Amino acid sequence: MDYEYRKRTGRVPAGAAFSVGVSDDSMEPALRAGGVMYVSRDCDLVPGDVGLFFVGEELVCRQYAEDSEGNIYLFVLNRRRRDLDITVPAASGVNVACLGKVLLPQRPPLPGD
């Protein structure tokens, strides 16, 4: 993975451990392409939280949900891009690792809410 150090500009939310550049429109309107997301190291997510995840070897920012059977659902906020949603069945053997919670002013509604 490539990375680039950037100078801190503007206000940084309390609890931010690091920031990541936003490269596409999949998480609009909360996170705009070309912007910056701030991430805490808190991985104690509840359904509807937005997190930064490794799914297999891919790094993604998605809205988290999990059902009672342990299936994980990672949704994009921009529903025009719903083809980028990720479903990880509990029995799939695919590794999902949370790097942290994306700090947003409010939790966006889950699709269908």
PDB file of N, CA and C in Angstrom:
ATOM      1  N   MET A   1       0.847  -1.171   0.000  1.00  0.00           N
ATOM      2  CA  MET A   1       0.000   0.000   0.000  1.00  0.00           C
ATOM      3  C   MET A   1       0.893   1.234   0.000  1.00  0.00           C
ATOM      4  N   ASP A   2       0.556   2.181  -0.837  1.00  0.00           N
ATOM      5  CA  ASP A   2       1.282   3.443  -0.862  1.00  0.00           C
ATOM      6  C   ASP A   2       0.714   4.368   0.195  1.00  0.00           C
ATOM      7  N   TYR A   3       1.545   5.206   0.746  1.00  0.00           N
ATOM      8  CA  TYR A   3       1.062   6.211   1.671  1.00  0.00           C
ATOM      9  C   TYR A   3       1.881   7.470   1.511  1.00  0.00           C
ATOM     10  N   GLU A   4       1.337   8.548   1.998  1.00  0.00           N
ATOM     11  CA  GLU A   4       1.970   9.854   1.859  1.00  0.00           C
ATOM     12  C   GLU A   4       1.725  10.635   3.141  1.00  0.00           C
ATOM     13  N   TYR A   5       2.786  11.181   3.695  1.00  0.00           N
ATOM     14  CA  TYR A   5       2.629  12.032   4.860  1.00  0.00           C
ATOM     15  C   TYR A   5       2.122  13.392   4.413  1.00  0.00           C
ATOM     16  N   ARG A   6       1.176  13.934   5.159  1.00  0.00           N
ATOM     17  CA  ARG A   6       0.630  15.256   4.857  1.00  0.00           C
ATOM     18  C   ARG A   6       0.688  16.103   6.103  1.00  0.00           C
ATOM     19  N   LYS A   7       0.834  17.381   5.895  1.00  0.00           N
ATOM     20  CA  LYS A   7       0.777  18.314   7.005  1.00  0.00           C
ATOM     21  C   LYS A   7      -0.650  18.443   7.491  1.00  0.00           C
ATOM     22  N   ARG A   8      -0.808  18.521   8.792  1.00  0.00           N
ATOM     23  CA  ARG A   8      -2.137  18.681   9.370  1.00  0.00           C
ATOM     24  C   ARG A   8      -2.660  20.068   9.028  1.00  0.00           C
ATOM     25  N   THR A   9      -3.878  20.117   8.518  1.00  0.00           N
ATOM     26  CA  THR A   9      -4.507  21.397   8.201  1.00  0.00           C
ATOM     27  C   THR A   9      -5.918  21.391   8.759  1.00  0.00           C
ATOM     28  N   GLY A  10      -6.399  22.523   9.145  1.00  0.00           N
ATOM     29  CA  GLY A  10      -7.767  22.623   9.646  1.00  0.00           C
ATOM     30  C   GLY A  10      -7.942  21.961  10.993  1.00  0.00           C
ATOM     31  N   ARG A  11      -9.194  21.786  11.368  1.00  0.00           N
ATOM     32  CA  ARG A  11      -9.523  21.166  12.651  1.00  0.00           C
ATOM     33  C   ARG A  11      -9.459  19.648  12.559  1.00  0.00           C
ATOM     34  N   VAL A  12      -8.866  19.061  13.558  1.00  0.00           N
ATOM     35  CA  VAL A  12      -8.809  17.605  13.646  1.00  0.00           C
ATOM     36  C   VAL A  12      -9.747  17.182  14.776  1.00  0.00           C
ATOM     37  N   PRO A  13     -10.688  16.284  14.501  1.00  0.00           N
ATOM     38  CA  PRO A  13     -11.627  15.872  15.542  1.00  0.00           C
ATOM     39  C   PRO A  13     -10.928  15.227  16.737  1.00  0.00           C
ATOM     40  N   ALA A  14     -11.479  15.456  17.920  1.00  0.00           N
ATOM     41  CA  ALA A  14     -10.960  14.813  19.125  1.00  0.00           C
ATOM     42  C   ALA A  14     -11.037  13.305  18.938  1.00  0.00           C
ATOM     43  N   GLY A  15     -10.029  12.611  19.342  1.00  0.00           N
ATOM     44  CA  GLY A  15     -10.006  11.150  19.246  1.00  0.00           C
ATOM     45  C   GLY A  15      -9.406  10.617  17.963  1.00  0.00           C
ATOM     46  N   ALA A  16      -9.058  11.487  17.022  1.00  0.00           N
ATOM     47  CA  ALA A  16      -8.469  11.025  15.766  1.00  0.00           C
ATOM     48  C   ALA A  16      -7.052  10.513  16.008  1.00  0.00           C
ATOM     49  N   ALA A  17      -6.780   9.297  15.556  1.00  0.00           N
ATOM     50  CA  ALA A  17      -5.443   8.715  15.668  1.00  0.00           C
ATOM     51  C   ALA A  17      -4.656   8.913  14.383  1.00  0.00           C
ATOM     52  N   PHE A  18      -5.376   8.908  13.249  1.00  0.00           N
ATOM     53  CA  PHE A  18      -4.732   9.111  11.954  1.00  0.00           C
ATOM     54  C   PHE A  18      -5.783   9.543  10.942  1.00  0.00           C
ATOM     55  N   SER A  19      -5.316   9.968   9.783  1.00  0.00           N
ATOM     56  CA  SER A  19      -6.231  10.369   8.709  1.00  0.00           C
ATOM     57  C   SER A  19      -5.866   9.623   7.429  1.00  0.00           C
ATOM     58  N   VAL A  20      -6.854   9.521   6.555  1.00  0.00           N
ATOM     59  CA  VAL A  20      -6.686   8.829   5.285  1.00  0.00           C
ATOM     60  C   VAL A  20      -7.366   9.669   4.214  1.00  0.00           C
ATOM     61  N   GLY A  21      -6.741   9.788   3.059  1.00  0.00           N
ATOM     62  CA  GLY A  21      -7.356  10.498   1.946  1.00  0.00           C
ATOM     63  C   GLY A  21      -8.504   9.697   1.357  1.00  0.00           C
ATOM     64  N   VAL A  22      -9.532  10.402   0.899  1.00  0.00           N
ATOM     65  CA  VAL A  22     -10.695   9.770   0.277  1.00  0.00           C
ATOM     66  C   VAL A  22     -10.476   9.811  -1.234  1.00  0.00           C
ATOM     67  N   SER A  23     -10.498   8.634  -1.865  1.00  0.00           N
ATOM     68  CA  SER A  23     -10.138   8.579  -3.280  1.00  0.00           C
ATOM     69  C   SER A  23     -11.317   8.463  -4.237  1.00  0.00           C
ATOM     70  N   ASP A  24     -12.519   8.166  -3.720  1.00  0.00           N
ATOM     71  CA  ASP A  24     -13.658   8.034  -4.642  1.00  0.00           C
ATOM     72  C   ASP A  24     -14.940   8.550  -3.994  1.00  0.00           C
ATOM     73  N   ASP A  25     -16.056   8.402  -4.706  1.00  0.00           N
ATOM     74  CA  ASP A  25     -17.326   8.948  -4.225  1.00  0.00           C
ATOM     75  C   ASP A  25     -18.212   7.911  -3.526  1.00  0.00           C
ATOM     76  N   SER A  26     -17.671   6.758  -3.186  1.00  0.00           N
ATOM     77  CA  SER A  26     -18.489   5.684  -2.628  1.00  0.00           C
ATOM     78  C   SER A  26     -19.068   6.003  -1.257  1.00  0.00           C
ATOM     79  N   MET A  27     -18.477   6.938  -0.518  1.00  0.00           N
ATOM     80  CA  MET A  27     -18.967   7.257   0.822  1.00  0.00           C
ATOM     81  C   MET A  27     -19.586   8.647   0.894  1.00  0.00           C
ATOM     82  N   GLU A  28     -19.910   9.226  -0.279  1.00  0.00           N
ATOM     83  CA  GLU A  28     -20.607  10.516  -0.280  1.00  0.00           C
ATOM     84  C   GLU A  28     -22.034  10.310   0.184  1.00  0.00           C
ATOM     85  N   PRO A  29     -22.635  11.254   0.840  1.00  0.00           N
ATOM     86  CA  PRO A  29     -22.194  12.631   1.018  1.00  0.00           C
ATOM     87  C   PRO A  29     -21.321  12.854   2.258  1.00  0.00           C
ATOM     88  N   ALA A  30     -21.165  11.843   3.120  1.00  0.00           N
ATOM     89  CA  ALA A  30     -20.404  12.046   4.369  1.00  0.00           C
ATOM     90  C   ALA A  30     -18.922  12.287   4.114  1.00  0.00           C
ATOM     91  N   LEU A  31     -18.346  11.580   3.146  1.00  0.00           N
ATOM     92  CA  LEU A  31     -16.919  11.699   2.829  1.00  0.00           C
ATOM     93  C   LEU A  31     -16.775  11.943   1.335  1.00  0.00           C
ATOM     94  N   ARG A  32     -16.250  13.087   0.988  1.00  0.00           N
ATOM     95  CA  ARG A  32     -16.150  13.487  -0.421  1.00  0.00           C
ATOM     96  C   ARG A  32     -14.806  13.093  -1.024  1.00  0.00           C
ATOM     97  N   ALA A  33     -14.826  12.700  -2.302  1.00  0.00           N
ATOM     98  CA  ALA A  33     -13.599  12.385  -3.030  1.00  0.00           C
ATOM     99  C   ALA A  33     -12.646  13.571  -2.953  1.00  0.00           C
ATOM    100  N   GLY A  34     -11.396  13.284  -2.679  1.00  0.00           N
ATOM    101  CA  GLY A  34     -10.391  14.337  -2.548  1.00  0.00           C
ATOM    102  C   GLY A  34     -10.282  14.882  -1.135  1.00  0.00           C
ATOM    103  N   GLY A  35     -11.214  14.492  -0.253  1.00  0.00           N
ATOM    104  CA  GLY A  35     -11.189  14.954   1.128  1.00  0.00           C
ATOM    105  C   GLY A  35     -10.349  14.050   2.015  1.00  0.00           C
ATOM    106  N   VAL A  36     -10.519  14.237   3.305  1.00  0.00           N
ATOM    107  CA  VAL A  36      -9.774  13.473   4.304  1.00  0.00           C
ATOM    108  C   VAL A  36     -10.758  12.899   5.310  1.00  0.00           C
ATOM    109  N   MET A  37     -10.557  11.641   5.681  1.00  0.00           N
ATOM    110  CA  MET A  37     -11.342  11.053   6.771  1.00  0.00           C
ATOM    111  C   MET A  37     -10.421  10.896   7.976  1.00  0.00           C
ATOM    112  N   TYR A  38     -10.980  11.157   9.141  1.00  0.00           N
ATOM    113  CA  TYR A  38     -10.243  11.001  10.388  1.00  0.00           C
ATOM    114  C   TYR A  38     -10.723   9.730  11.066  1.00  0.00           C
ATOM    115  N   VAL A  39      -9.773   8.960  11.576  1.00  0.00           N
ATOM    116  CA  VAL A  39     -10.075   7.637  12.098  1.00  0.00           C
ATOM    117  C   VAL A  39      -9.543   7.507  13.521  1.00  0.00           C
ATOM    118  N   SER A  40     -10.401   7.001  14.417  1.00  0.00           N
ATOM    119  CA  SER A  40      -9.950   6.653  15.768  1.00  0.00           C
ATOM    120  C   SER A  40      -9.513   5.191  15.735  1.00  0.00           C
ATOM    121  N   ARG A  41      -8.841   4.750  16.735  1.00  0.00           N
ATOM    122  CA  ARG A  41      -8.429   3.338  16.789  1.00  0.00           C
ATOM    123  C   ARG A  41      -9.521   2.453  17.396  1.00  0.00           C
ATOM    124  N   ASP A  42     -10.663   3.041  17.699  1.00  0.00           N
ATOM    125  CA  ASP A  42     -11.774   2.314  18.301  1.00  0.00           C
ATOM    126  C   ASP A  42     -12.396   1.377  17.271  1.00  0.00           C
ATOM    127  N   CYS A  43     -12.361   0.086  17.531  1.00  0.00           N
ATOM    128  CA  CYS A  43     -12.977  -0.896  16.633  1.00  0.00           C
ATOM    129  C   CYS A  43     -14.182  -1.561  17.280  1.00  0.00           C
ATOM    130  N   ASP A  44     -14.690  -0.953  18.328  1.00  0.00           N
ATOM    131  CA  ASP A  44     -15.883  -1.457  18.986  1.00  0.00           C
ATOM    132  C   ASP A  44     -17.090  -0.831  18.280  1.00  0.00           C
ATOM    133  N   LEU A  45     -17.350  -1.306  17.056  1.00  0.00           N
ATOM    134  CA  LEU A  45     -18.380  -0.706  16.205  1.00  0.00           C
ATOM    135  C   LEU A  45     -19.752  -1.280  16.509  1.00  0.00           C
ATOM    136  N   VAL A  46     -20.750  -0.442  16.328  1.00  0.00           N
ATOM    137  CA  VAL A  46     -22.145  -0.886  16.389  1.00  0.00           C
ATOM    138  C   VAL A  46     -22.728  -0.717  14.987  1.00  0.00           C
ATOM    139  N   PRO A  47     -23.791  -1.464  14.673  1.00  0.00           N
ATOM    140  CA  PRO A  47     -24.371  -1.341  13.337  1.00  0.00           C
ATOM    141  C   PRO A  47     -24.670   0.118  12.981  1.00  0.00           C
ATOM    142  N   GLY A  48     -24.220   0.513  11.792  1.00  0.00           N
ATOM    143  CA  GLY A  48     -24.400   1.880  11.314  1.00  0.00           C
ATOM    144  C   GLY A  48     -23.133   2.708  11.390  1.00  0.00           C
ATOM    145  N   ASP A  49     -22.165   2.289  12.233  1.00  0.00           N
ATOM    146  CA  ASP A  49     -20.899   3.016  12.294  1.00  0.00           C
ATOM    147  C   ASP A  49     -20.147   2.838  10.982  1.00  0.00           C
ATOM    148  N   VAL A  50     -19.313   3.806  10.651  1.00  0.00           N
ATOM    149  CA  VAL A  50     -18.456   3.725   9.473  1.00  0.00           C
ATOM    150  C   VAL A  50     -17.050   3.408   9.963  1.00  0.00           C
ATOM    151  N   GLY A  51     -16.433   2.430   9.327  1.00  0.00           N
ATOM    152  CA  GLY A  51     -15.101   2.010   9.742  1.00  0.00           C
ATOM    153  C   GLY A  51     -14.168   1.854   8.559  1.00  0.00           C
ATOM    154  N   LEU A  52     -12.896   1.698   8.894  1.00  0.00           N
ATOM    155  CA  LEU A  52     -11.856   1.414   7.912  1.00  0.00           C
ATOM    156  C   LEU A  52     -11.461  -0.042   8.120  1.00  0.00           C
ATOM    157  N   PHE A  53     -11.567  -0.856   7.063  1.00  0.00           N
ATOM    158  CA  PHE A  53     -11.397  -2.306   7.182  1.00  0.00           C
ATOM    159  C   PHE A  53     -10.425  -2.849   6.152  1.00  0.00           C
ATOM    160  N   PHE A  54      -9.734  -3.912   6.546  1.00  0.00           N
ATOM    161  CA  PHE A  54      -9.090  -4.792   5.586  1.00  0.00           C
ATOM    162  C   PHE A  54     -10.051  -5.950   5.397  1.00  0.00           C
ATOM    163  N   VAL A  55     -10.450  -6.198   4.163  1.00  0.00           N
ATOM    164  CA  VAL A  55     -11.273  -7.354   3.807  1.00  0.00           C
ATOM    165  C   VAL A  55     -10.399  -8.188   2.896  1.00  0.00           C
ATOM    166  N   GLY A  56      -9.909  -9.300   3.433  1.00  0.00           N
ATOM    167  CA  GLY A  56      -8.871 -10.027   2.716  1.00  0.00           C
ATOM    168  C   GLY A  56      -7.643  -9.129   2.674  1.00  0.00           C
ATOM    169  N   GLU A  57      -7.246  -8.706   1.501  1.00  0.00           N
ATOM    170  CA  GLU A  57      -6.097  -7.817   1.356  1.00  0.00           C
ATOM    171  C   GLU A  57      -6.482  -6.429   0.863  1.00  0.00           C
ATOM    172  N   GLU A  58      -7.778  -6.154   0.784  1.00  0.00           N
ATOM    173  CA  GLU A  58      -8.272  -4.870   0.276  1.00  0.00           C
ATOM    174  C   GLU A  58      -8.630  -3.938   1.435  1.00  0.00           C
ATOM    175  N   LEU A  59      -8.166  -2.687   1.370  1.00  0.00           N
ATOM    176  CA  LEU A  59      -8.500  -1.673   2.362  1.00  0.00           C
ATOM    177  C   LEU A  59      -9.730  -0.918   1.881  1.00  0.00           C
ATOM    178  N   VAL A  60     -10.792  -0.899   2.715  1.00  0.00           N
ATOM    179  CA  VAL A  60     -12.036  -0.231   2.335  1.00  0.00           C
ATOM    180  C   VAL A  60     -12.595   0.568   3.505  1.00  0.00           C
ATOM    181  N   CYS A  61     -13.314   1.612   3.168  1.00  0.00           N
ATOM    182  CA  CYS A  61     -14.092   2.373   4.136  1.00  0.00           C
ATOM    183  C   CYS A  61     -15.544   2.041   3.839  1.00  0.00           C
ATOM    184  N   ARG A  62     -16.265   1.537   4.860  1.00  0.00           N
ATOM    185  CA  ARG A  62     -17.650   1.127   4.656  1.00  0.00           C
ATOM    186  C   ARG A  62     -18.446   1.286   5.952  1.00  0.00           C
ATOM    187  N   GLN A  63     -19.753   1.305   5.798  1.00  0.00           N
ATOM    188  CA  GLN A  63     -20.668   1.307   6.930  1.00  0.00           C
ATOM    189  C   GLN A  63     -20.889  -0.147   7.358  1.00  0.00           C
ATOM    190  N   TYR A  64     -20.749  -0.378   8.639  1.00  0.00           N
ATOM    191  CA  TYR A  64     -20.737  -1.735   9.197  1.00  0.00           C
ATOM    192  C   TYR A  64     -22.115  -2.196   9.674  1.00  0.00           C
ATOM    193  N   ALA A  65     -22.412  -3.477   9.434  1.00  0.00           N
ATOM    194  CA  ALA A  65     -23.553  -4.161  10.032  1.00  0.00           C
ATOM    195  C   ALA A  65     -23.205  -5.642  10.115  1.00  0.00           C
ATOM    196  N   GLU A  66     -23.794  -6.312  11.082  1.00  0.00           N
ATOM    197  CA  GLU A  66     -23.579  -7.752  11.240  1.00  0.00           C
ATOM    198  C   GLU A  66     -24.891  -8.363  11.720  1.00  0.00           C
ATOM    199  N   ASP A  67     -25.228  -9.526  11.181  1.00  0.00           N
ATOM    200  CA  ASP A  67     -26.476 -10.167  11.608  1.00  0.00           C
ATOM    201  C   ASP A  67     -26.213 -11.154  12.740  1.00  0.00           C
ATOM    202  N   SER A  68     -27.269 -11.758  13.250  1.00  0.00           N
ATOM    203  CA  SER A  68     -27.169 -12.655  14.406  1.00  0.00           C
ATOM    204  C   SER A  68     -26.386 -13.935  14.109  1.00  0.00           C
ATOM    205  N   GLU A  69     -26.170 -14.233  12.843  1.00  0.00           N
ATOM    206  CA  GLU A  69     -25.423 -15.435  12.460  1.00  0.00           C
ATOM    207  C   GLU A  69     -23.953 -15.144  12.177  1.00  0.00           C
ATOM    208  N   GLY A  70     -23.536 -13.884  12.360  1.00  0.00           N
ATOM    209  CA  GLY A  70     -22.134 -13.530  12.168  1.00  0.00           C
ATOM    210  C   GLY A  70     -21.759 -13.121  10.760  1.00  0.00           C
ATOM    211  N   ASN A  71     -22.741 -12.981   9.872  1.00  0.00           N
ATOM    212  CA  ASN A  71     -22.463 -12.481   8.526  1.00  0.00           C
ATOM    213  C   ASN A  71     -22.220 -10.983   8.618  1.00  0.00           C
ATOM    214  N   ILE A  72     -21.190 -10.507   7.938  1.00  0.00           N
ATOM    215  CA  ILE A  72     -20.818  -9.090   7.989  1.00  0.00           C
ATOM    216  C   ILE A  72     -21.238  -8.417   6.692  1.00  0.00           C
ATOM    217  N   TYR A  73     -21.814  -7.222   6.837  1.00  0.00           N
ATOM    218  CA  TYR A  73     -22.246  -6.415   5.696  1.00  0.00           C
ATOM    219  C   TYR A  73     -21.515  -5.082   5.763  1.00  0.00           C
ATOM    220  N   LEU A  74     -20.854  -4.721   4.692  1.00  0.00           N
ATOM    221  CA  LEU A  74     -20.126  -3.460   4.606  1.00  0.00           C
ATOM    222  C   LEU A  74     -20.713  -2.665   3.449  1.00  0.00           C
ATOM    223  N   PHE A  75     -21.400  -1.577   3.793  1.00  0.00           N
ATOM    224  CA  PHE A  75     -22.161  -0.800   2.817  1.00  0.00           C
ATOM    225  C   PHE A  75     -21.455   0.498   2.445  1.00  0.00           C
ATOM    226  N   VAL A  76     -21.582   0.892   1.181  1.00  0.00           N
ATOM    227  CA  VAL A  76     -21.204   2.239   0.775  1.00  0.00           C
ATOM    228  C   VAL A  76     -22.367   3.154   1.133  1.00  0.00           C
ATOM    229  N   LEU A  77     -22.080   4.419   1.396  1.00  0.00           N
ATOM    230  CA  LEU A  77     -23.155   5.369   1.702  1.00  0.00           C
ATOM    231  C   LEU A  77     -23.819   5.880   0.436  1.00  0.00           C
ATOM    232  N   ASN A  78     -23.043   6.001  -0.634  1.00  0.00           N
ATOM    233  CA  ASN A  78     -23.558   6.461  -1.918  1.00  0.00           C
ATOM    234  C   ASN A  78     -24.280   5.285  -2.575  1.00  0.00           C
ATOM    235  N   ARG A  79     -25.594   5.229  -2.434  1.00  0.00           N
ATOM    236  CA  ARG A  79     -26.342   4.069  -2.912  1.00  0.00           C
ATOM    237  C   ARG A  79     -26.335   3.916  -4.432  1.00  0.00           C
ATOM    238  N   ARG A  80     -25.908   4.947  -5.166  1.00  0.00           N
ATOM    239  CA  ARG A  80     -25.709   4.781  -6.614  1.00  0.00           C
ATOM    240  C   ARG A  80     -24.531   3.842  -6.873  1.00  0.00           C
ATOM    241  N   ARG A  81     -23.686   3.625  -5.869  1.00  0.00           N
ATOM    242  CA  ARG A  81     -22.506   2.761  -5.994  1.00  0.00           C
ATOM    243  C   ARG A  81     -22.686   1.460  -5.201  1.00  0.00           C
ATOM    244  N   ARG A  82     -23.937   1.061  -4.960  1.00  0.00           N
ATOM    245  CA  ARG A  82     -24.206  -0.110  -4.117  1.00  0.00           C
ATOM    246  C   ARG A  82     -23.565  -1.393  -4.635  1.00  0.00           C
ATOM    247  N   ASP A  83     -23.126  -1.394  -5.889  1.00  0.00           N
ATOM    248  CA  ASP A  83     -22.402  -2.549  -6.418  1.00  0.00           C
ATOM    249  C   ASP A  83     -21.079  -2.762  -5.672  1.00  0.00           C
ATOM    250  N   LEU A  84     -20.648  -1.753  -4.906  1.00  0.00           N
ATOM    251  CA  LEU A  84     -19.409  -1.854  -4.124  1.00  0.00           C
ATOM    252  C   LEU A  84     -19.658  -2.352  -2.695  1.00  0.00           C
ATOM    253  N   ASP A  85     -20.932  -2.615  -2.335  1.00  0.00           N
ATOM    254  CA  ASP A  85     -21.219  -3.214  -1.035  1.00  0.00           C
ATOM    255  C   ASP A  85     -20.497  -4.560  -0.949  1.00  0.00           C
ATOM    256  N   ILE A  86     -20.134  -4.938   0.265  1.00  0.00           N
ATOM    257  CA  ILE A  86     -19.431  -6.202   0.484  1.00  0.00           C
ATOM    258  C   ILE A  86     -20.205  -7.012   1.515  1.00  0.00           C
ATOM    259  N   THR A  87     -20.465  -8.270   1.201  1.00  0.00           N
ATOM    260  CA  THR A  87     -21.059  -9.210   2.146  1.00  0.00           C
ATOM    261  C   THR A  87     -20.029 -10.291   2.422  1.00  0.00           C
ATOM    262  N   VAL A  88     -19.751 -10.530   3.707  1.00  0.00           N
ATOM    263  CA  VAL A  88     -18.794 -11.567   4.098  1.00  0.00           C
ATOM    264  C   VAL A  88     -19.538 -12.599   4.941  1.00  0.00           C
ATOM    265  N   PRO A  89     -19.900 -13.732   4.333  1.00  0.00           N
ATOM    266  CA  PRO A  89     -20.576 -14.775   5.100  1.00  0.00           C
ATOM    267  C   PRO A  89     -19.678 -15.295   6.229  1.00  0.00           C
ATOM    268  N   ALA A  90     -20.292 -15.619   7.362  1.00  0.00           N
ATOM    269  CA  ALA A  90     -19.535 -16.084   8.530  1.00  0.00           C
ATOM    270  C   ALA A  90     -18.670 -17.301   8.199  1.00  0.00           C
ATOM    271  N   ALA A  91     -19.157 -18.185   7.356  1.00  0.00           N
ATOM    272  CA  ALA A  91     -18.435 -19.418   7.040  1.00  0.00           C
ATOM    273  C   ALA A  91     -17.480 -19.271   5.857  1.00  0.00           C
ATOM    274  N   SER A  92     -17.281 -18.056   5.351  1.00  0.00           N
ATOM    275  CA  SER A  92     -16.486 -17.868   4.134  1.00  0.00           C
ATOM    276  C   SER A  92     -14.988 -18.029   4.348  1.00  0.00           C
ATOM    277  N   GLY A  93     -14.524 -17.809   5.574  1.00  0.00           N
ATOM    278  CA  GLY A  93     -13.084 -17.858   5.824  1.00  0.00           C
ATOM    279  C   GLY A  93     -12.362 -16.579   5.435  1.00  0.00           C
ATOM    280  N   VAL A  94     -13.097 -15.583   4.915  1.00  0.00           N
ATOM    281  CA  VAL A  94     -12.498 -14.302   4.552  1.00  0.00           C
ATOM    282  C   VAL A  94     -12.220 -13.511   5.830  1.00  0.00           C
ATOM    283  N   ASN A  95     -11.020 -12.997   5.947  1.00  0.00           N
ATOM    284  CA  ASN A  95     -10.617 -12.243   7.128  1.00  0.00           C
ATOM    285  C   ASN A  95     -11.050 -10.784   7.000  1.00  0.00           C
ATOM    286  N   VAL A  96     -11.768 -10.285   8.005  1.00  0.00           N
ATOM    287  CA  VAL A  96     -12.163  -8.873   8.068  1.00  0.00           C
ATOM    288  C   VAL A  96     -11.522  -8.287   9.313  1.00  0.00           C
ATOM    289  N   ALA A  97     -10.673  -7.273   9.120  1.00  0.00           N
ATOM    290  CA  ALA A  97      -9.990  -6.629  10.238  1.00  0.00           C
ATOM    291  C   ALA A  97     -10.331  -5.152  10.261  1.00  0.00           C
ATOM    292  N   CYS A  98     -10.779  -4.671  11.402  1.00  0.00           N
ATOM    293  CA  CYS A  98     -11.108  -3.255  11.570  1.00  0.00           C
ATOM    294  C   CYS A  98      -9.859  -2.498  11.992  1.00  0.00           C
ATOM    295  N   LEU A  99      -9.563  -1.416  11.280  1.00  0.00           N
ATOM    296  CA  LEU A  99      -8.439  -0.551  11.649  1.00  0.00           C
ATOM    297  C   LEU A  99      -8.896   0.598  12.526  1.00  0.00           C
ATOM    298  N   GLY A 100     -10.189   0.909  12.492  1.00  0.00           N
ATOM    299  CA  GLY A 100     -10.706   1.988  13.321  1.00  0.00           C
ATOM    300  C   GLY A 100     -12.035   2.507  12.829  1.00  0.00           C
ATOM    301  N   LYS A 101     -12.607   3.350  13.670  1.00  0.00           N
ATOM    302  CA  LYS A 101     -13.896   3.972  13.385  1.00  0.00           C
ATOM    303  C   LYS A 101     -13.657   5.332  12.742  1.00  0.00           C
ATOM    304  N   VAL A 102     -14.357   5.588  11.639  1.00  0.00           N
ATOM    305  CA  VAL A 102     -14.266   6.882  10.967  1.00  0.00           C
ATOM    306  C   VAL A 102     -15.102   7.879  11.780  1.00  0.00           C
ATOM    307  N   LEU A 103     -14.496   9.007  12.090  1.00  0.00           N
ATOM    308  CA  LEU A 103     -15.159  10.013  12.915  1.00  0.00           C
ATOM    309  C   LEU A 103     -16.026  10.907  12.034  1.00  0.00           C
ATOM    310  N   LEU A 104     -17.330  10.822  12.251  1.00  0.00           N
ATOM    311  CA  LEU A 104     -18.309  11.617  11.503  1.00  0.00           C
ATOM    312  C   LEU A 104     -19.161  12.391  12.498  1.00  0.00           C
ATOM    313  N   PRO A 105     -19.747  13.509  12.085  1.00  0.00           N
ATOM    314  CA  PRO A 105     -20.601  14.280  12.997  1.00  0.00           C
ATOM    315  C   PRO A 105     -21.801  13.486  13.503  1.00  0.00           C
ATOM    316  N   GLN A 106     -22.342  12.583  12.683  1.00  0.00           N
ATOM    317  CA  GLN A 106     -23.461  11.739  13.102  1.00  0.00           C
ATOM    318  C   GLN A 106     -23.410  10.435  12.344  1.00  0.00           C
ATOM    319  N   ARG A 107     -24.015   9.401  12.915  1.00  0.00           N
ATOM    320  CA  ARG A 107     -24.049   8.084  12.275  1.00  0.00           C
ATOM    321  C   ARG A 107     -25.076   8.129  11.154  1.00  0.00           C
ATOM    322  N   PRO A 108     -24.658   7.770   9.926  1.00  0.00           N
ATOM    323  CA  PRO A 108     -25.618   7.753   8.812  1.00  0.00           C
ATOM    324  C   PRO A 108     -26.600   6.589   8.973  1.00  0.00           C
ATOM    325  N   PRO A 109     -27.809   6.715   8.426  1.00  0.00           N
ATOM    326  CA  PRO A 109     -28.757   5.600   8.505  1.00  0.00           C
ATOM    327  C   PRO A 109     -28.267   4.432   7.651  1.00  0.00           C
ATOM    328  N   LEU A 110     -28.556   3.225   8.112  1.00  0.00           N
ATOM    329  CA  LEU A 110     -28.244   2.041   7.324  1.00  0.00           C
ATOM    330  C   LEU A 110     -29.163   1.984   6.106  1.00  0.00           C
ATOM    331  N   PRO A 111     -28.732   1.360   5.007  1.00  0.00           N
ATOM    332  CA  PRO A 111     -29.608   1.235   3.850  1.00  0.00           C
ATOM    333  C   PRO A 111     -30.932   0.587   4.266  1.00  0.00           C
ATOM    334  N   GLY A 112     -32.021   1.143   3.806  1.00  0.00           N
ATOM    335  CA  GLY A 112     -33.330   0.618   4.129  1.00  0.00           C
ATOM    336  C   GLY A 112     -33.953   1.202   5.372  1.00  0.00           C
ATOM    337  N   ASP A 113     -33.181   1.967   6.175  1.00  0.00           N
ATOM    338  CA  ASP A 113     -33.745   2.605   7.371  1.00  0.00           C
ATOM    339  C   ASP A 113     -34.490   3.861   7.000  1.00  0.00           C
TER     340      ASP A 113
END
